[in-house]
N, C-alpha and C. Protein backbone atom coordinates (compact mmCIF):
# COMPACT_ATOMS: atom_id res chain seq x y z
N MET A 1 188.04 68.74 58.29
CA MET A 1 188.53 68.65 56.93
C MET A 1 187.63 67.69 56.15
N VAL A 2 187.35 68.03 54.92
CA VAL A 2 186.50 67.22 54.07
C VAL A 2 187.35 66.63 52.96
N SER A 3 187.19 65.33 52.74
CA SER A 3 187.91 64.69 51.64
C SER A 3 186.91 63.92 50.80
N ASN A 4 187.17 63.86 49.52
CA ASN A 4 186.28 63.17 48.60
C ASN A 4 186.56 61.68 48.62
N VAL A 5 185.53 60.91 48.51
CA VAL A 5 185.65 59.46 48.41
C VAL A 5 185.25 59.10 46.99
N SER A 6 186.20 58.56 46.23
CA SER A 6 185.90 58.32 44.83
C SER A 6 185.79 56.84 44.48
N ASN A 7 186.12 55.95 45.39
CA ASN A 7 186.09 54.54 45.03
C ASN A 7 184.86 53.82 45.53
N LEU A 8 183.78 54.54 45.78
CA LEU A 8 182.53 53.91 46.21
C LEU A 8 181.78 53.38 45.01
N ALA A 9 181.24 52.20 45.15
CA ALA A 9 180.43 51.61 44.08
C ALA A 9 179.04 52.23 44.12
N GLN A 10 178.54 52.58 42.98
CA GLN A 10 177.21 53.14 42.88
C GLN A 10 176.20 52.00 42.92
N PRO A 11 175.12 52.16 43.69
CA PRO A 11 174.10 51.10 43.73
C PRO A 11 173.41 50.97 42.39
N GLN A 12 173.18 49.73 42.00
CA GLN A 12 172.52 49.46 40.73
C GLN A 12 171.02 49.37 40.97
N PRO A 13 170.21 49.91 40.07
CA PRO A 13 168.76 49.80 40.25
C PRO A 13 168.33 48.34 40.18
N ALA A 14 167.33 48.02 40.96
CA ALA A 14 166.81 46.64 40.99
C ALA A 14 166.15 46.31 39.66
N ALA A 15 166.27 45.06 39.29
CA ALA A 15 165.65 44.62 38.04
C ALA A 15 164.14 44.68 38.19
N LYS A 16 163.48 45.16 37.18
CA LYS A 16 162.03 45.24 37.23
C LYS A 16 161.44 43.88 36.86
N SER A 17 160.53 43.42 37.68
CA SER A 17 159.87 42.15 37.39
C SER A 17 158.52 42.44 36.74
N LYS A 18 158.08 41.48 35.97
CA LYS A 18 156.79 41.64 35.31
C LYS A 18 155.70 41.45 36.34
N PRO A 19 154.70 42.32 36.35
CA PRO A 19 153.62 42.14 37.31
C PRO A 19 152.85 40.86 37.02
N GLN A 20 152.52 40.14 38.07
CA GLN A 20 151.77 38.91 37.92
C GLN A 20 150.29 39.23 37.75
N PRO A 21 149.65 38.64 36.78
CA PRO A 21 148.21 38.88 36.64
C PRO A 21 147.48 38.27 37.84
N THR A 22 146.56 39.03 38.38
CA THR A 22 145.81 38.50 39.51
C THR A 22 144.56 37.81 39.01
N THR A 23 144.26 36.73 39.67
CA THR A 23 143.05 35.99 39.31
C THR A 23 142.19 35.87 40.54
N ASP A 24 140.93 35.59 40.32
CA ASP A 24 140.02 35.42 41.44
C ASP A 24 140.41 34.21 42.29
N ALA A 25 140.96 33.18 41.66
CA ALA A 25 141.35 31.98 42.40
C ALA A 25 142.49 32.31 43.37
N ALA A 26 143.42 33.15 42.95
CA ALA A 26 144.54 33.52 43.81
C ALA A 26 144.05 34.34 45.00
N ALA A 27 143.07 35.20 44.78
CA ALA A 27 142.54 36.02 45.86
C ALA A 27 141.75 35.17 46.85
N GLN A 28 141.12 34.11 46.38
CA GLN A 28 140.30 33.27 47.24
C GLN A 28 141.13 32.27 48.04
N THR A 29 142.37 32.05 47.69
CA THR A 29 143.18 31.06 48.39
C THR A 29 143.98 31.67 49.53
N LYS A 30 143.73 32.91 49.89
CA LYS A 30 144.41 33.51 51.02
C LYS A 30 143.99 32.81 52.30
N PRO A 31 144.94 32.53 53.17
CA PRO A 31 144.56 31.89 54.43
C PRO A 31 143.82 32.88 55.32
N PRO A 32 142.93 32.40 56.16
CA PRO A 32 142.21 33.30 57.05
C PRO A 32 143.18 33.90 58.07
N PRO A 33 142.88 35.07 58.61
CA PRO A 33 143.78 35.67 59.58
C PRO A 33 143.90 34.77 60.81
N ALA A 34 145.08 34.78 61.38
CA ALA A 34 145.35 33.95 62.54
C ALA A 34 144.51 34.43 63.73
N PRO A 35 143.97 33.52 64.50
CA PRO A 35 143.19 33.93 65.67
C PRO A 35 144.11 34.56 66.71
N GLY A 36 143.56 35.51 67.43
CA GLY A 36 144.34 36.13 68.49
C GLY A 36 145.19 37.30 68.05
N THR A 37 144.98 37.80 66.83
CA THR A 37 145.79 38.92 66.37
C THR A 37 145.14 40.26 66.66
N THR A 38 144.00 40.25 67.34
CA THR A 38 143.31 41.48 67.67
C THR A 38 144.03 42.15 68.83
N VAL A 39 144.24 43.44 68.71
CA VAL A 39 144.93 44.19 69.75
C VAL A 39 143.96 45.20 70.34
N LYS A 40 143.91 45.26 71.65
CA LYS A 40 143.10 46.26 72.33
C LYS A 40 144.03 47.20 73.07
N ILE A 41 143.81 48.50 72.94
CA ILE A 41 144.63 49.45 73.67
C ILE A 41 143.81 50.06 74.79
N SER A 42 144.50 50.50 75.80
CA SER A 42 143.82 51.05 76.96
C SER A 42 143.20 52.40 76.63
N LYS A 43 142.31 52.84 77.50
CA LYS A 43 141.67 54.14 77.32
C LYS A 43 142.72 55.25 77.37
N ALA A 44 143.71 55.11 78.25
CA ALA A 44 144.77 56.12 78.35
C ALA A 44 145.58 56.19 77.05
N ALA A 45 145.88 55.03 76.48
CA ALA A 45 146.63 55.02 75.23
C ALA A 45 145.80 55.60 74.09
N SER A 46 144.51 55.29 74.10
CA SER A 46 143.63 55.83 73.08
C SER A 46 143.55 57.35 73.18
N THR A 47 143.47 57.86 74.41
CA THR A 47 143.42 59.30 74.63
C THR A 47 144.72 59.96 74.18
N ALA A 48 145.85 59.32 74.51
CA ALA A 48 147.14 59.86 74.11
C ALA A 48 147.27 59.90 72.59
N LEU A 49 146.79 58.88 71.93
CA LEU A 49 146.83 58.85 70.46
C LEU A 49 145.98 59.96 69.89
N GLN A 50 144.80 60.16 70.45
CA GLN A 50 143.91 61.22 69.98
C GLN A 50 144.56 62.59 70.18
N GLU A 51 145.19 62.79 71.32
CA GLU A 51 145.85 64.07 71.59
C GLU A 51 147.01 64.31 70.63
N SER A 52 147.73 63.25 70.26
CA SER A 52 148.88 63.41 69.36
C SER A 52 148.44 63.78 67.95
N ARG A 53 147.21 63.42 67.58
CA ARG A 53 146.71 63.72 66.24
C ARG A 53 145.97 65.05 66.18
N GLU A 54 145.89 65.72 67.30
CA GLU A 54 145.14 66.96 67.39
C GLU A 54 145.88 68.09 66.65
N THR A 55 145.13 68.93 65.98
CA THR A 55 145.72 70.05 65.27
C THR A 55 146.04 71.18 66.25
N PRO A 56 146.99 72.06 65.91
CA PRO A 56 147.28 73.20 66.78
C PRO A 56 146.05 74.08 67.03
N ALA A 57 145.19 74.21 66.04
CA ALA A 57 143.99 75.02 66.21
C ALA A 57 143.06 74.39 67.25
N GLN A 58 142.94 73.06 67.20
CA GLN A 58 142.11 72.36 68.17
C GLN A 58 142.70 72.49 69.57
N THR A 59 144.02 72.40 69.69
CA THR A 59 144.68 72.55 70.99
C THR A 59 144.42 73.94 71.55
N ALA A 60 144.55 74.96 70.72
CA ALA A 60 144.30 76.34 71.17
C ALA A 60 142.86 76.52 71.61
N LYS A 61 141.93 75.92 70.87
CA LYS A 61 140.51 76.02 71.22
C LYS A 61 140.25 75.38 72.59
N GLU A 62 140.85 74.21 72.80
CA GLU A 62 140.67 73.52 74.07
C GLU A 62 141.31 74.30 75.22
N ALA A 63 142.46 74.91 74.96
CA ALA A 63 143.12 75.70 76.00
C ALA A 63 142.26 76.90 76.39
N ARG A 64 141.64 77.53 75.42
CA ARG A 64 140.76 78.67 75.71
C ARG A 64 139.54 78.26 76.52
N SER A 65 139.10 77.01 76.34
CA SER A 65 137.92 76.56 77.08
C SER A 65 138.28 75.95 78.44
N GLY A 66 139.56 76.02 78.83
CA GLY A 66 139.94 75.59 80.16
C GLY A 66 140.62 74.24 80.26
N ASP A 67 140.95 73.61 79.16
CA ASP A 67 141.63 72.31 79.19
C ASP A 67 143.07 72.52 79.67
N MET A 68 143.38 72.00 80.86
CA MET A 68 144.70 72.23 81.46
C MET A 68 145.81 71.55 80.67
N GLN A 69 145.56 70.38 80.10
CA GLN A 69 146.58 69.70 79.31
C GLN A 69 146.93 70.52 78.08
N ALA A 70 145.92 71.07 77.43
CA ALA A 70 146.16 71.90 76.25
C ALA A 70 146.89 73.18 76.64
N THR A 71 146.53 73.74 77.78
CA THR A 71 147.20 74.96 78.25
C THR A 71 148.68 74.71 78.51
N ARG A 72 148.98 73.57 79.17
CA ARG A 72 150.39 73.23 79.43
C ARG A 72 151.15 73.01 78.13
N LEU A 73 150.51 72.34 77.17
CA LEU A 73 151.17 72.09 75.89
C LEU A 73 151.49 73.40 75.17
N LEU A 74 150.54 74.33 75.16
CA LEU A 74 150.78 75.62 74.51
C LEU A 74 151.90 76.39 75.22
N ALA A 75 151.93 76.33 76.56
CA ALA A 75 152.98 77.00 77.31
C ALA A 75 154.34 76.38 77.01
N LYS A 76 154.38 75.06 76.92
CA LYS A 76 155.62 74.36 76.61
C LYS A 76 156.12 74.74 75.21
N GLU A 77 155.20 74.77 74.23
CA GLU A 77 155.58 75.14 72.87
C GLU A 77 156.04 76.59 72.79
N ALA A 78 155.39 77.48 73.54
CA ALA A 78 155.80 78.90 73.54
C ALA A 78 157.18 79.05 74.14
N ALA A 79 157.47 78.31 75.22
CA ALA A 79 158.79 78.37 75.85
C ALA A 79 159.87 77.84 74.90
N ALA A 80 159.57 76.78 74.22
CA ALA A 80 160.54 76.21 73.27
C ALA A 80 160.80 77.18 72.12
N LYS A 81 159.76 77.83 71.65
CA LYS A 81 159.91 78.80 70.56
C LYS A 81 160.73 80.00 71.02
N ALA A 82 160.49 80.46 72.26
CA ALA A 82 161.23 81.60 72.80
C ALA A 82 162.71 81.24 72.96
N ALA A 83 162.98 80.00 73.35
CA ALA A 83 164.36 79.56 73.56
C ALA A 83 165.11 79.49 72.24
N THR A 84 164.44 79.09 71.17
CA THR A 84 165.12 78.97 69.87
C THR A 84 165.27 80.32 69.19
N ASN A 85 164.40 81.27 69.50
CA ASN A 85 164.48 82.59 68.87
C ASN A 85 165.41 83.54 69.63
N GLY A 86 165.88 83.13 70.78
CA GLY A 86 166.84 83.95 71.50
C GLY A 86 166.22 84.78 72.47
């Protein structure tokens, strides 16, 4: 059953503030980045990131050239599509 809620307060838009003019002095007073903030990721993580950004066309091309990971991914996607289409 659906019932209407009529006593909810509507959110008010935030007040607009005037943009602060930027000056060269303000830009030059930024503190230097803290040491030790550099992050290194492993080769496996880098490979996983690259694979996640891969286009479907690139995956299909790799599968045709014998890439087993791409072949498994295409098979998994085809099975999921078949399951949703009945």
